[in-house]
C-alpha atoms as a PDB file:
ATOM      1  CA  MET A   1       0.000   0.000   0.000  1.00  0.00           C
ATOM      2  CA  MET A   2       2.815   2.426   0.879  1.00  0.00           C
ATOM      3  CA  ALA A   3       4.541   1.762  -2.461  1.00  0.00           C
ATOM      4  CA  GLN A   4       1.313   2.568  -4.304  1.00  0.00           C
ATOM      5  CA  CYS A   5       0.938   5.850  -2.407  1.00  0.00           C
ATOM      6  CA  THR A   6       4.552   6.772  -3.057  1.00  0.00           C
ATOM      7  CA  GLY A   7       4.175   5.939  -6.739  1.00  0.00           C
ATOM      8  CA  LEU A   8       0.998   8.000  -6.976  1.00  0.00           C
ATOM      9  CA  ALA A   9       2.627  10.938  -5.223  1.00  0.00           C
ATOM     10  CA  LEU A  10       5.597  10.743  -7.582  1.00  0.00           C
ATOM     11  CA  LEU A  11       3.305  10.602 -10.600  1.00  0.00           C
ATOM     12  CA  LEU A  12       1.368  13.644  -9.385  1.00  0.00           C
ATOM     13  CA  LEU A  13       4.560  15.594  -8.768  1.00  0.00           C
ATOM     14  CA  LEU A  14       5.983  14.766 -12.177  1.00  0.00           C
ATOM     15  CA  SER A  15       2.765  15.584 -14.027  1.00  0.00           C
ATOM     16  CA  GLY A  16       2.509  18.918 -12.195  1.00  0.00           C
ATOM     17  CA  HIS A  17       6.104  19.698 -13.041  1.00  0.00           C
ATOM     18  CA  ALA A  18       5.562  18.994 -16.730  1.00  0.00           C
ATOM     19  CA  ALA A  19       2.467  21.191 -16.809  1.00  0.00           C
ATOM     20  CA  ALA A  20       4.326  24.043 -15.101  1.00  0.00           C
ATOM     21  CA  GLU A  21       6.953  24.059 -17.863  1.00  0.00           C
ATOM     22  CA  TYR A  22       4.504  24.696 -20.711  1.00  0.00           C
ATOM     23  CA  ASP A  23       5.003  28.198 -22.080  1.00  0.00           C
ATOM     24  CA  PRO A  24       2.448  29.280 -24.693  1.00  0.00           C
ATOM     25  CA  TRP A  25       4.733  32.140 -25.749  1.00  0.00           C
ATOM     26  CA  GLN A  26       7.046  29.586 -27.343  1.00  0.00           C
ATOM     27  CA  HIS A  27       4.244  29.030 -29.880  1.00  0.00           C
ATOM     28  CA  TYR A  28       3.164  32.641 -30.348  1.00  0.00           C
ATOM     29  CA  ASP A  29       4.568  33.218 -33.848  1.00  0.00           C
ATOM     30  CA  LYS A  30       3.293  29.859 -35.048  1.00  0.00           C
ATOM     31  CA  THR A  31      -0.155  30.592 -33.588  1.00  0.00           C
ATOM     32  CA  LEU A  32      -0.314  33.978 -35.334  1.00  0.00           C
ATOM     33  CA  LYS A  33       0.329  32.287 -38.679  1.00  0.00           C
ATOM     34  CA  THR A  34      -2.741  30.069 -38.194  1.00  0.00           C
ATOM     35  CA  LEU A  35      -5.120  32.993 -37.642  1.00  0.00           C
ATOM     36  CA  PRO A  36      -6.918  35.131 -40.224  1.00  0.00           C
ATOM     37  CA  LYS A  37      -4.650  38.047 -41.156  1.00  0.00           C
ATOM     38  CA  ASP A  38      -6.814  40.745 -39.585  1.00  0.00           C
ATOM     39  CA  ALA A  39      -7.142  38.796 -36.336  1.00  0.00           C
ATOM     40  CA  ALA A  40      -3.401  38.134 -36.204  1.00  0.00           C
ATOM     41  CA  ALA A  41      -2.598  41.800 -36.843  1.00  0.00           C
ATOM     42  CA  VAL A  42      -4.920  43.076 -34.108  1.00  0.00           C
ATOM     43  CA  LEU A  43      -3.752  40.456 -31.629  1.00  0.00           C
ATOM     44  CA  ASP A  44      -0.099  41.219 -32.314  1.00  0.00           C
ATOM     45  CA  ARG A  45      -0.749  44.940 -31.937  1.00  0.00           C
ATOM     46  CA  GLY A  46      -2.516  44.300 -28.624  1.00  0.00           C
ATOM     47  CA  VAL A  47       0.322  42.158 -27.336  1.00  0.00           C
ATOM     48  CA  THR A  48       2.841  44.817 -28.319  1.00  0.00           C
ATOM     49  CA  CYS A  49       0.769  47.536 -26.646  1.00  0.00           C
ATOM     50  CA  ASN A  50       0.557  45.517 -23.434  1.00  0.00           C
ATOM     51  CA  HIS A  51       4.299  44.958 -23.499  1.00  0.00           C
ATOM     52  CA  LEU A  52       5.116  48.623 -24.067  1.00  0.00           C
ATOM     53  CA  ALA A  53       2.664  49.761 -21.393  1.00  0.00           C
ATOM     54  CA  GLY A  54       4.423  47.478 -18.934  1.00  0.00           C
ATOM     55  CA  GLU A  55       7.723  49.251 -19.592  1.00  0.00           C
ATOM     56  CA  PHE A  56       6.425  52.701 -18.590  1.00  0.00           C
ATOM     57  CA  ASN A  57       8.277  54.199 -15.624  1.00  0.00           C
ATOM     58  CA  GLY A  58       5.956  57.163 -15.236  1.00  0.00           C
ATOM     59  CA  ASP A  59       8.869  59.510 -14.612  1.00  0.00           C
ATOM     60  CA  GLY A  60       8.551  61.658 -17.743  1.00  0.00           C
ATOM     61  CA  SER A  61      11.939  60.434 -18.943  1.00  0.00           C
ATOM     62  CA  GLU A  62      12.967  60.399 -22.578  1.00  0.00           C
ATOM     63  CA  ALA A  63      12.400  56.630 -22.591  1.00  0.00           C
ATOM     64  CA  ASP A  64       8.809  57.166 -21.401  1.00  0.00           C
ATOM     65  CA  LYS A  65       8.262  59.805 -24.083  1.00  0.00           C
ATOM     66  CA  LYS A  66       9.551  57.385 -26.717  1.00  0.00           C
ATOM     67  CA  ARG A  67       7.225  54.625 -25.469  1.00  0.00           C
ATOM     68  CA  ASN A  68       4.326  57.053 -25.477  1.00  0.00           C
ATOM     69  CA  ARG A  69       5.025  57.909 -29.122  1.00  0.00           C
ATOM     70  CA  GLU A  70       5.141  54.189 -29.938  1.00  0.00           C
ATOM     71  CA  LEU A  71       1.839  53.600 -28.103  1.00  0.00           C
ATOM     72  CA  THR A  72       0.258  56.424 -30.092  1.00  0.00           C
ATOM     73  CA  LYS A  73       1.655  55.144 -33.388  1.00  0.00           C
ATOM     74  CA  LEU A  74       0.255  51.667 -32.663  1.00  0.00           C
ATOM     75  CA  ARG A  75      -3.158  53.152 -31.768  1.00  0.00           C
ATOM     76  CA  CYS A  76      -3.057  51.391 -28.422  1.00  0.00           C
ATOM     77  CA  ASP A  77      -5.938  53.527 -27.201  1.00  0.00           C
ATOM     78  CA  THR A  78      -8.276  51.613 -29.555  1.00  0.00           C
ATOM     79  CA  VAL A  79      -6.855  48.113 -29.210  1.00  0.00           C
ATOM     80  CA  ASP A  80      -9.499  46.924 -26.714  1.00  0.00           C
ATOM     81  CA  SER A  81     -12.336  47.843 -29.053  1.00  0.00           C
ATOM     82  CA  ASP A  82     -10.458  46.320 -31.993  1.00  0.00           C
ATOM     83  CA  ILE A  83     -10.021  43.066 -30.067  1.00  0.00           C
ATOM     84  CA  SER A  84     -13.760  43.101 -29.271  1.00  0.00           C
ATOM     85  CA  ARG A  85     -14.535  43.551 -32.956  1.00  0.00           C
ATOM     86  CA  ILE A  86     -12.314  40.583 -33.854  1.00  0.00           C
ATOM     87  CA  LYS A  87     -13.939  38.435 -31.153  1.00  0.00           C
ATOM     88  CA  THR A  88     -17.363  39.244 -32.599  1.00  0.00           C
ATOM     89  CA  ARG A  89     -16.258  38.645 -36.186  1.00  0.00           C
ATOM     90  CA  TYR A  90     -14.672  35.275 -35.370  1.00  0.00           C
ATOM     91  CA  LYS A  91     -17.020  34.128 -32.611  1.00  0.00           C
ATOM     92  CA  SER A  92     -17.459  30.753 -34.344  1.00  0.00           C
ATOM     93  CA  GLN A  93     -13.700  30.161 -34.657  1.00  0.00           C
ATOM     94  CA  PRO A  94     -12.423  28.792 -31.344  1.00  0.00           C
ATOM     95  CA  LYS A  95      -8.748  29.064 -32.299  1.00  0.00           C
ATOM     96  CA  VAL A  96      -9.078  32.844 -32.712  1.00  0.00           C
ATOM     97  CA  LEU A  97     -10.887  33.243 -29.402  1.00  0.00           C
ATOM     98  CA  GLN A  98      -8.390  30.967 -27.624  1.00  0.00           C
ATOM     99  CA  ALA A  99      -5.434  32.912 -29.016  1.00  0.00           C
ATOM    100  CA  ILE A 100      -6.936  36.170 -27.739  1.00  0.00           C
ATOM    101  CA  ARG A 101      -7.540  34.644 -24.304  1.00  0.00           C
ATOM    102  CA  THR A 102      -4.051  33.182 -24.131  1.00  0.00           C
ATOM    103  CA  TYR A 103      -1.969  36.061 -25.415  1.00  0.00           C
ATOM    104  CA  TYR A 104      -4.011  39.198 -24.805  1.00  0.00           C
ATOM    105  CA  GLU A 105      -6.431  38.660 -21.944  1.00  0.00           C
ATOM    106  CA  GLU A 106      -4.267  36.632 -19.565  1.00  0.00           C
END
């Protein structure tokens, strides 16, 4: 009985470890290529906007000014509504919706 419990515990630990190593970002470029072009473009823009927004220091530095110009150029102020439009357009395509959930909403 003890050997069975130990084996089960080991199996649970190993399966949890394997699941923890999965990184969806390793498949990001490949995933984009499987999406309709407009969906891929909006998703990629949203991901880039999220990334740039996360690099803001809020100190008014030259780096912040540069990021702000990039955010404006990418139209990051409209990306949420653009993502919503794509979700509506492709509501019957689970791979589009899953990609948005994985890379933009999480």
